Every structure is written in structure tokens, then in C-alpha cells.
Amino acid sequence: MSHSVIFAYPGELGTPTGGYGYDRRVIAGLGDLGWTVEPLSLGAGFPDPDPQQLQEAERKLDALPDGTLVIIDGLAFGVMDRWAERNAQRLTIIALVHHPLAMETGLDAASQQRLREAETGALDHAIGVITTSETTARLVADFYAVPADKLLVAVPGVQPAALATGTHETPHILSVGSLTRRKGHDILISALEKIADLEWTCRIVGSADLDRGTADALRHQLSASTISDRVELAGAVDDIRGDFVRTDIFALATRYEGYGMVFAEAMVHGLPIVGCRVGAVADVVPDNAGFLVEADDPDAFAGALRRLLEDTELRISMADAAAVAGSKLPSWHDTAARISDFLKACHGL
């Protein structure tokens, strides 16, 4: 028997970020399990829509028939608390929280408080809440008062992938993440300057369209550095797998991750990791697969990179451990199956 669900999200589903990648995989996975899934864009502007953008998103959801089962991505749902209150009895609302909006990097105290209050109200009116990590589930429970029986942890899946072969010459460092402040590419560039005495090259892959101010600042930082000829800001790419295979070390100085899909992807490729001990990253990356340092510490990040670059045996050992850990991660089918069961329970199917 086929079941139906609306999957609502802000902006464009093809946006090249981990969160949208998760959404795309879940939509496809539910379809493979027999669900009829209707994607529904709520439009642009989230998580800070103007009144007209918010009204248009609400209009689209108001048009859904009574009794509809709808998943709403938290990037939009977190600021739709008033709409959720009005429609909680009419629709079966499932929230998908990649990471809480109030914990986005760079917010002032007033914005954090406003977002926390809105998201608390919205989540209170969802019949179920899907999170992408145990860490995010704990945050949602502790700071947003979501009861445990409303929560599902459905960590991102991975695809089997070819192990990295590296460069066999100058070690190559790969970083993947949108050019936003949260991804910490400024820290990576500062760290790389501190190890300019070593041989390496670096490629940073990620869209510059989400935060043009940060992207411009990174370009300026790099052009003013002593390593501009060794670091490439590559922009977004359609298929990142080739980059992973041609890499020796994966490095991302992120300031927060609700899960950290790209770390999991790097481990599946058997890459040693340098990252930051923030959010759910430590849930994904085991200690023997790389180094996790404090965020916003270019000295510590540089030290971790130096150890991997100078000690080939350590780099190989951590690469092997990463591959083993990556092989134990769930598939996207597993993730979709968990969500499917949760939807059925929430909707009484």
C-alpha cells in the first residue's frame, strides 16, 4: 500500500549543502520504499524571511488538505511558529531539524533569543521531530523542551565509495563546505599559513553564493596571504567523489555541525580527518581516525595538520581507521527506512 507525504523545504532543493543533500536523499529513499513524496518549495528568504516571503510560504502550506502528512525542513519551520500553532490540529506536522537555528554562527544575543523562542513554539506544535544526530536530539530536548517520545534520530547515510589513493607526490588537503562563516575556512587558511614550511596543496570546495560577504572576505584573506598559490577556492562542484579520491587529508575547521555529513563521506573514502570538536562532529569521527581540536584555534589546527603531514605512518594508520569507521556507517536506505517507520507511527498508518 502506498502512503503519501509532502516534503516542504525552503529555497531550491538542489542547493549544494549537506542539509539539502540530506533532504534529497530522504525524498528519494522514501520513494524507493513505496511512498508517494511530493516536494514543496516554500520559497526564498529563510531562516530570515520578510513578511511577504513568510506569508507566501504559509499560503502554500495552508493549501494542503486536512489530514495531510507533511515534513517541514527546520530551516523554514523554525520561524513558522504561528503557522504551526494554527495548523497543528489540521495537519500531521513532522519537523526535520538539521541543527537549531539559534545556534548558527555569528548571531547576536537578540537574534539568538528570537530564534530560540520561535523554534521552541514551532517544535511544540509538531507531532514528531526528526534530528540528524544524537547531539542535536539532546539539544532539542534540553533547550527546546521536546519530549523524547516525539524524537527520532535518523543520521545521514553514506554510499559505498572508492578509497582515496592520494597524490603520491606533494600531500593534498581537501576541505568541503559552503563559504560561510560557520564552516571556518578562515581558520583553515590561517592554519595553512602556519605550516607554509611544509610541502602541501589545498583545495576548498564549496558554494560562494550563500554568504557573499564571507566569500569575499575569504578571497581577500587568501590573496593577502603567503600561500595564495597553494590554496584553491574551487567553488561548488557537481560531483565531489573525484576530489576525495585524489586527496591525502580531509580538513574542515567548522564552528558547528548538527551532524557533519562531509566528515562521514571523507571517512568512507578512507581519509584521515582534521576537524573541530563541536556539535556532533565527535559523534561521527572516532579518535583514531583523525584529530579534533578546539574551534577558532588556528594554532591547534595547524599543529594537527603538521602531525599528519610529517608522520606518514600516522597518516596511513588514521586513514585505515577512518575507512573502517566509514564502512560501519548506515546506508541511505537505512536512514529512509527509519524515517518511514516514524512517519507511519506518527500518522497512525
Protein backbone atom coordinates (compact mmCIF):
# COMPACT_ATOMS: atom_id res chain seq x y z
CA MET A 1 0.00 0.00 0.00
CA SER A 2 1.39 3.41 -0.98
CA HIS A 3 1.48 6.23 1.55
CA SER A 4 1.77 9.93 0.76
CA VAL A 5 3.81 12.71 2.34
CA ILE A 6 4.59 16.31 1.47
CA PHE A 7 8.25 17.27 1.93
CA ALA A 8 8.46 21.05 2.37
CA TYR A 9 11.75 22.91 2.26
CA PRO A 10 12.97 26.49 1.76
CA GLY A 11 14.65 27.73 -1.40
CA GLU A 12 15.96 25.33 -4.03
CA LEU A 13 16.22 21.59 -3.36
CA GLY A 14 19.35 21.41 -5.49
CA THR A 15 21.28 23.81 -3.27
CA PRO A 16 24.75 22.25 -2.74
CA THR A 17 24.82 21.91 1.05
CA GLY A 18 24.76 18.91 3.34
CA GLY A 19 21.30 19.76 4.64
CA TYR A 20 19.73 19.90 1.20
CA GLY A 21 21.68 16.78 0.25
CA TYR A 22 20.05 15.01 3.19
CA ASP A 23 16.62 16.19 2.05
CA ARG A 24 17.21 14.94 -1.49
CA ARG A 25 18.38 11.53 -0.27
CA VAL A 26 15.44 11.11 2.09
CA ILE A 27 12.94 12.07 -0.62
CA ALA A 28 14.48 9.50 -2.97
CA GLY A 29 14.75 6.86 -0.25
CA LEU A 30 11.13 7.19 0.81
CA GLY A 31 10.14 6.89 -2.84
CA ASP A 32 12.13 3.67 -3.10
CA LEU A 33 10.21 2.36 -0.08
CA GLY A 34 6.87 2.93 -1.81
CA TRP A 35 5.96 6.37 -0.53
CA THR A 36 4.50 9.00 -2.82
CA VAL A 37 6.59 12.04 -1.92
CA GLU A 38 5.65 15.50 -3.19
CA PRO A 39 8.46 18.05 -2.79
CA LEU A 40 7.17 21.54 -1.96
CA SER A 41 9.40 24.61 -2.04
CA LEU A 42 8.39 27.25 0.48
CA GLY A 43 10.34 29.92 -1.35
CA ALA A 44 13.35 32.07 -0.56
CA GLY A 45 14.39 34.13 2.45
CA PHE A 46 14.58 31.54 5.21
CA PRO A 47 15.55 31.47 8.01
CA ASP A 48 15.02 35.24 7.97
CA PRO A 49 12.11 35.79 5.57
CA ASP A 50 10.46 39.15 5.10
CA PRO A 51 6.71 39.31 5.85
CA GLN A 52 5.76 38.71 2.21
CA GLN A 53 8.05 35.66 1.90
CA LEU A 54 6.68 34.19 5.13
CA GLN A 55 3.09 34.84 4.03
CA GLU A 56 3.72 33.11 0.69
CA ALA A 57 5.19 30.05 2.43
CA GLU A 58 2.22 29.89 4.79
CA ARG A 59 -0.17 30.19 1.84
CA LYS A 60 1.39 27.14 0.18
CA LEU A 61 1.04 25.07 3.34
CA ASP A 62 -2.47 26.37 4.03
CA ALA A 63 -3.50 24.92 0.66
CA LEU A 64 -2.76 21.37 1.83
CA PRO A 65 -5.88 19.28 2.50
CA ASP A 66 -6.85 18.49 6.08
CA GLY A 67 -5.11 15.40 7.40
CA THR A 68 -2.05 15.76 5.16
CA LEU A 69 1.22 14.33 6.46
CA VAL A 70 3.95 16.93 5.94
CA ILE A 71 7.66 17.01 6.74
CA ILE A 72 8.98 20.57 7.00
CA ASP A 73 12.70 21.30 6.94
CA GLY A 74 13.70 23.15 10.09
CA LEU A 75 15.46 25.92 8.18
CA ALA A 76 11.95 27.17 7.41
CA PHE A 77 9.83 25.54 10.11
CA GLY A 78 11.88 27.05 12.93
CA VAL A 79 10.44 30.51 12.22
CA MET A 80 6.90 29.34 11.40
CA ASP A 81 5.70 29.01 14.99
CA ARG A 82 2.48 30.98 14.50
CA TRP A 83 1.56 28.99 11.40
CA ALA A 84 2.31 25.74 13.26
CA GLU A 85 0.03 26.73 16.12
CA ARG A 86 -2.84 27.43 13.72
CA ASN A 87 -2.43 24.16 11.80
CA ALA A 88 -1.32 21.62 14.40
CA GLN A 89 -4.79 20.09 14.63
CA ARG A 90 -5.40 20.16 10.88
CA LEU A 91 -2.18 18.58 9.58
CA THR A 92 0.24 15.91 10.76
CA ILE A 93 3.38 18.04 11.05
CA ILE A 94 6.85 16.48 11.23
CA ALA A 95 9.80 18.81 11.79
CA LEU A 96 13.24 17.97 10.40
CA VAL A 97 15.97 19.66 12.45
CA HIS A 98 19.45 19.60 10.93
CA HIS A 99 20.67 21.92 13.67
CA PRO A 100 18.87 24.54 15.78
CA LEU A 101 18.60 27.92 14.09
CA ALA A 102 19.58 29.82 17.23
CA MET A 103 22.94 28.05 17.21
CA GLU A 104 24.02 29.37 13.84
CA THR A 105 27.43 31.04 13.98
CA GLY A 106 27.60 34.83 14.14
CA LEU A 107 24.18 35.64 15.62
CA ASP A 108 23.86 38.40 18.21
CA ALA A 109 22.14 37.70 21.52
CA ALA A 110 18.84 39.25 20.46
CA SER A 111 18.68 37.17 17.27
CA GLN A 112 19.53 34.02 19.19
CA GLN A 113 16.74 34.67 21.68
CA ARG A 114 14.22 35.48 18.94
CA LEU A 115 15.05 32.31 17.00
CA ARG A 116 15.04 30.14 20.10
CA GLU A 117 11.59 31.35 21.10
CA ALA A 118 10.21 30.87 17.59
CA GLU A 119 11.70 27.41 17.16
CA THR A 120 10.52 26.32 20.61
CA GLY A 121 6.98 27.31 19.68
CA ALA A 122 7.15 25.64 16.28
CA LEU A 123 8.52 22.35 17.61
CA ASP A 124 5.89 22.29 20.34
CA HIS A 125 3.23 22.03 17.61
CA ALA A 126 4.94 19.28 15.60
CA ILE A 127 3.69 15.77 16.26
CA GLY A 128 7.18 14.41 15.60
CA VAL A 129 10.71 15.79 15.30
CA ILE A 130 13.45 14.18 13.21
CA THR A 131 17.06 15.09 14.04
CA THR A 132 20.19 14.06 12.20
CA SER A 133 22.35 13.22 15.23
CA GLU A 134 22.19 12.22 18.88
CA THR A 135 23.83 15.54 19.75
CA THR A 136 21.10 17.52 18.01
CA ALA A 137 18.44 15.36 19.64
CA ARG A 138 19.88 16.19 23.07
CA LEU A 139 19.96 19.90 22.24
CA VAL A 140 16.36 19.83 21.02
CA ALA A 141 15.28 18.02 24.17
CA ASP A 142 17.28 20.17 26.60
CA PHE A 143 16.86 23.64 25.09
CA TYR A 144 13.56 23.35 23.24
CA ALA A 145 11.66 21.09 25.64
CA VAL A 146 10.84 18.45 23.03
CA PRO A 147 9.89 15.20 24.81
CA ALA A 148 11.87 12.08 23.97
CA ASP A 149 8.81 10.23 22.63
CA LYS A 150 8.46 12.86 19.86
CA LEU A 151 12.07 12.49 18.69
CA LEU A 152 13.69 10.33 16.04
CA VAL A 153 17.42 10.31 15.32
CA ALA A 154 18.00 9.47 11.65
CA VAL A 155 21.67 10.03 10.94
CA PRO A 156 22.65 10.66 7.32
CA GLY A 157 23.52 7.61 5.28
CA VAL A 158 26.57 7.04 3.14
CA GLN A 159 27.22 5.42 -0.21
CA PRO A 160 29.99 2.88 -0.80
CA ALA A 161 32.92 4.72 -2.33
CA ALA A 162 36.39 4.14 -3.69
CA LEU A 163 39.18 4.58 -1.17
CA ALA A 164 41.39 7.61 -1.66
CA THR A 165 44.62 6.94 -3.49
CA GLY A 166 46.16 10.30 -2.64
CA THR A 167 48.62 12.18 -4.78
CA HIS A 168 51.78 10.07 -4.30
CA GLU A 169 53.69 13.36 -4.51
CA THR A 170 53.00 16.61 -2.65
CA PRO A 171 50.35 15.84 0.00
CA HIS A 172 46.96 17.27 -0.93
CA ILE A 173 44.47 18.65 1.60
CA LEU A 174 40.76 18.84 0.78
CA SER A 175 38.14 20.94 2.55
CA VAL A 176 34.46 20.83 1.61
CA GLY A 177 31.87 23.28 2.85
CA SER A 178 29.95 26.34 1.72
CA LEU A 179 31.87 29.60 2.03
CA THR A 180 30.01 30.66 5.16
CA ARG A 181 31.42 31.75 8.49
CA ARG A 182 30.28 28.58 10.25
CA LYS A 183 32.47 26.39 8.06
CA GLY A 184 35.63 28.06 9.39
CA HIS A 185 37.59 28.35 6.17
CA ASP A 186 39.21 31.50 7.58
CA ILE A 187 40.71 29.37 10.34
CA LEU A 188 41.91 26.79 7.81
CA ILE A 189 43.67 29.44 5.73
CA SER A 190 45.31 30.90 8.85
CA ALA A 191 46.41 27.41 9.91
CA LEU A 192 47.85 26.66 6.49
CA GLU A 193 49.94 29.82 6.66
CA LYS A 194 51.49 28.48 9.86
CA ILE A 195 52.70 25.33 8.07
CA ALA A 196 53.95 27.04 4.93
CA ASP A 197 57.37 25.48 5.57
CA LEU A 198 55.91 22.05 4.66
CA GLU A 199 55.03 20.68 1.24
CA TRP A 200 51.26 20.56 0.57
CA THR A 201 48.48 21.84 -1.66
CA CYS A 202 44.88 22.57 -0.64
CA ARG A 203 41.55 22.76 -2.45
CA ILE A 204 38.48 24.27 -0.78
CA VAL A 205 35.24 23.15 -2.44
CA GLY A 206 32.02 24.94 -1.60
CA SER A 207 29.42 27.36 -2.91
CA ALA A 208 30.16 31.07 -2.62
CA ASP A 209 26.50 32.01 -3.14
CA LEU A 210 25.09 31.52 0.37
CA ASP A 211 27.14 34.23 2.09
CA ARG A 212 28.81 36.51 -0.42
CA GLY A 213 30.29 38.71 2.29
CA THR A 214 32.16 35.79 3.82
CA ALA A 215 33.17 34.51 0.40
CA ASP A 216 34.65 37.91 -0.50
CA ALA A 217 36.46 38.08 2.85
CA LEU A 218 37.99 34.65 2.26
CA ARG A 219 39.20 35.66 -1.19
CA HIS A 220 40.79 38.77 0.29
CA GLN A 221 42.36 36.79 3.14
CA LEU A 222 43.84 34.32 0.71
CA SER A 223 45.12 36.92 -1.75
CA ALA A 224 46.82 38.78 1.10
CA SER A 225 48.46 35.60 2.43
CA THR A 226 51.76 33.95 1.54
CA ILE A 227 50.04 30.77 0.35
CA SER A 228 47.68 32.03 -2.34
CA ASP A 229 49.47 29.94 -4.97
CA ARG A 230 48.92 26.73 -2.97
CA VAL A 231 45.24 27.08 -2.00
CA GLU A 232 42.37 26.92 -4.50
CA LEU A 233 38.87 28.23 -3.81
CA ALA A 234 37.15 25.91 -6.27
CA GLY A 235 33.52 26.87 -5.76
CA ALA A 236 30.74 24.28 -5.89
CA VAL A 237 31.26 21.09 -7.90
CA ASP A 238 28.63 18.70 -9.22
CA ASP A 239 30.43 15.51 -8.17
CA ILE A 240 32.87 15.64 -5.27
CA ARG A 241 33.88 11.98 -5.37
CA GLY A 242 36.87 12.54 -7.61
CA ASP A 243 38.21 15.16 -5.22
CA PHE A 244 38.03 12.74 -2.31
CA VAL A 245 39.90 10.04 -4.22
CA ARG A 246 42.75 12.40 -5.16
CA THR A 247 43.27 13.61 -1.57
CA ASP A 248 45.58 12.73 1.32
CA ILE A 249 43.98 14.63 4.22
CA PHE A 250 40.48 15.99 4.81
CA ALA A 251 40.33 19.21 6.85
CA LEU A 252 37.36 21.36 7.88
CA ALA A 253 37.65 23.93 10.68
CA THR A 254 33.89 24.11 11.18
CA ARG A 255 32.48 26.07 14.10
CA TYR A 256 29.39 23.86 14.41
CA GLU A 257 27.80 20.83 12.76
CA GLY A 258 24.43 19.27 13.51
CA TYR A 259 25.95 16.05 12.16
CA GLY A 260 28.78 16.60 9.69
CA MET A 261 27.88 14.60 6.59
CA VAL A 262 31.07 15.59 4.84
CA PHE A 263 33.18 14.06 7.62
CA ALA A 264 31.33 10.77 7.17
CA GLU A 265 31.85 10.98 3.42
CA ALA A 266 35.56 11.59 3.89
CA MET A 267 35.85 8.55 6.17
CA VAL A 268 34.08 6.32 3.66
CA HIS A 269 36.86 7.33 1.27
CA GLY A 270 39.45 6.42 3.90
CA LEU A 271 40.79 9.90 4.61
CA PRO A 272 42.38 10.98 7.90
CA ILE A 273 40.48 13.90 9.41
CA VAL A 274 41.38 17.24 10.92
CA GLY A 275 38.32 19.00 12.32
CA CYS A 276 36.93 20.72 15.39
CA ARG A 277 35.31 19.21 18.46
CA VAL A 278 31.99 20.98 18.02
CA GLY A 279 28.38 19.89 17.69
CA ALA A 280 28.09 16.30 16.53
CA VAL A 281 31.49 16.03 14.84
CA ALA A 282 32.89 13.86 17.65
CA ASP A 283 29.89 11.54 17.22
CA VAL A 284 30.98 10.96 13.63
CA VAL A 285 34.78 10.96 13.76
CA PRO A 286 36.40 8.44 16.15
CA ASP A 287 39.61 9.40 17.93
CA ASN A 288 41.76 7.03 15.90
CA ALA A 289 40.56 8.44 12.56
CA GLY A 290 41.95 11.95 12.95
CA PHE A 291 42.40 14.98 15.16
CA LEU A 292 39.59 17.15 16.53
CA VAL A 293 40.75 20.42 18.08
CA GLU A 294 39.01 23.39 19.65
CA ALA A 295 37.18 25.68 17.25
CA ASP A 296 38.65 29.06 16.30
CA ASP A 297 42.20 27.94 17.15
CA PRO A 298 44.41 28.14 14.04
CA ASP A 299 47.50 27.16 16.06
CA ALA A 300 45.90 23.89 17.18
CA PHE A 301 44.53 23.23 13.71
CA ALA A 302 47.95 23.85 12.18
CA GLY A 303 49.53 21.53 14.74
CA ALA A 304 47.18 18.70 13.80
CA LEU A 305 47.84 19.19 10.10
CA ARG A 306 51.59 19.27 10.74
CA ARG A 307 51.49 15.94 12.57
CA LEU A 308 49.71 14.24 9.67
CA LEU A 309 51.95 15.83 7.06
CA GLU A 310 55.19 14.98 8.86
CA ASP A 311 54.30 11.46 10.01
CA THR A 312 53.38 9.27 7.04
CA GLU A 313 52.82 6.18 9.20
CA LEU A 314 50.38 8.08 11.42
CA ARG A 315 48.57 9.39 8.36
CA ILE A 316 48.21 5.87 6.96
CA SER A 317 47.07 4.48 10.33
CA MET A 318 44.38 7.14 10.70
CA ALA A 319 43.31 6.67 7.09
CA ASP A 320 42.83 2.95 7.74
CA ALA A 321 40.83 3.66 10.91
CA ALA A 322 38.68 6.16 9.04
CA ALA A 323 37.91 3.59 6.34
CA VAL A 324 36.90 1.01 8.97
CA ALA A 325 34.64 3.52 10.74
CA GLY A 326 33.17 4.64 7.43
CA SER A 327 32.31 1.07 6.49
CA LYS A 328 30.13 0.79 9.61
CA LEU A 329 28.01 3.86 8.91
CA PRO A 330 24.37 3.34 7.85
CA SER A 331 23.25 3.44 4.23
CA TRP A 332 20.74 5.93 2.91
CA HIS A 333 18.26 3.05 2.67
CA ASP A 334 18.69 2.52 6.42
CA THR A 335 18.06 6.21 7.08
CA ALA A 336 14.96 6.32 4.89
CA ALA A 337 13.61 3.15 6.50
CA ARG A 338 13.88 4.67 9.99
CA ILE A 339 12.06 7.78 8.83
CA SER A 340 9.41 5.70 7.05
CA ASP A 341 8.62 3.76 10.23
CA PHE A 342 8.49 7.00 12.22
CA LEU A 343 6.11 8.64 9.75
CA LYS A 344 3.79 5.65 9.88
CA ALA A 345 3.74 5.73 13.68
CA CYS A 346 3.12 9.49 13.82
CA HIS A 347 0.37 9.37 11.21
CA GLY A 348 -1.29 6.22 12.53
CA LEU A 349 -0.64 4.18 9.39
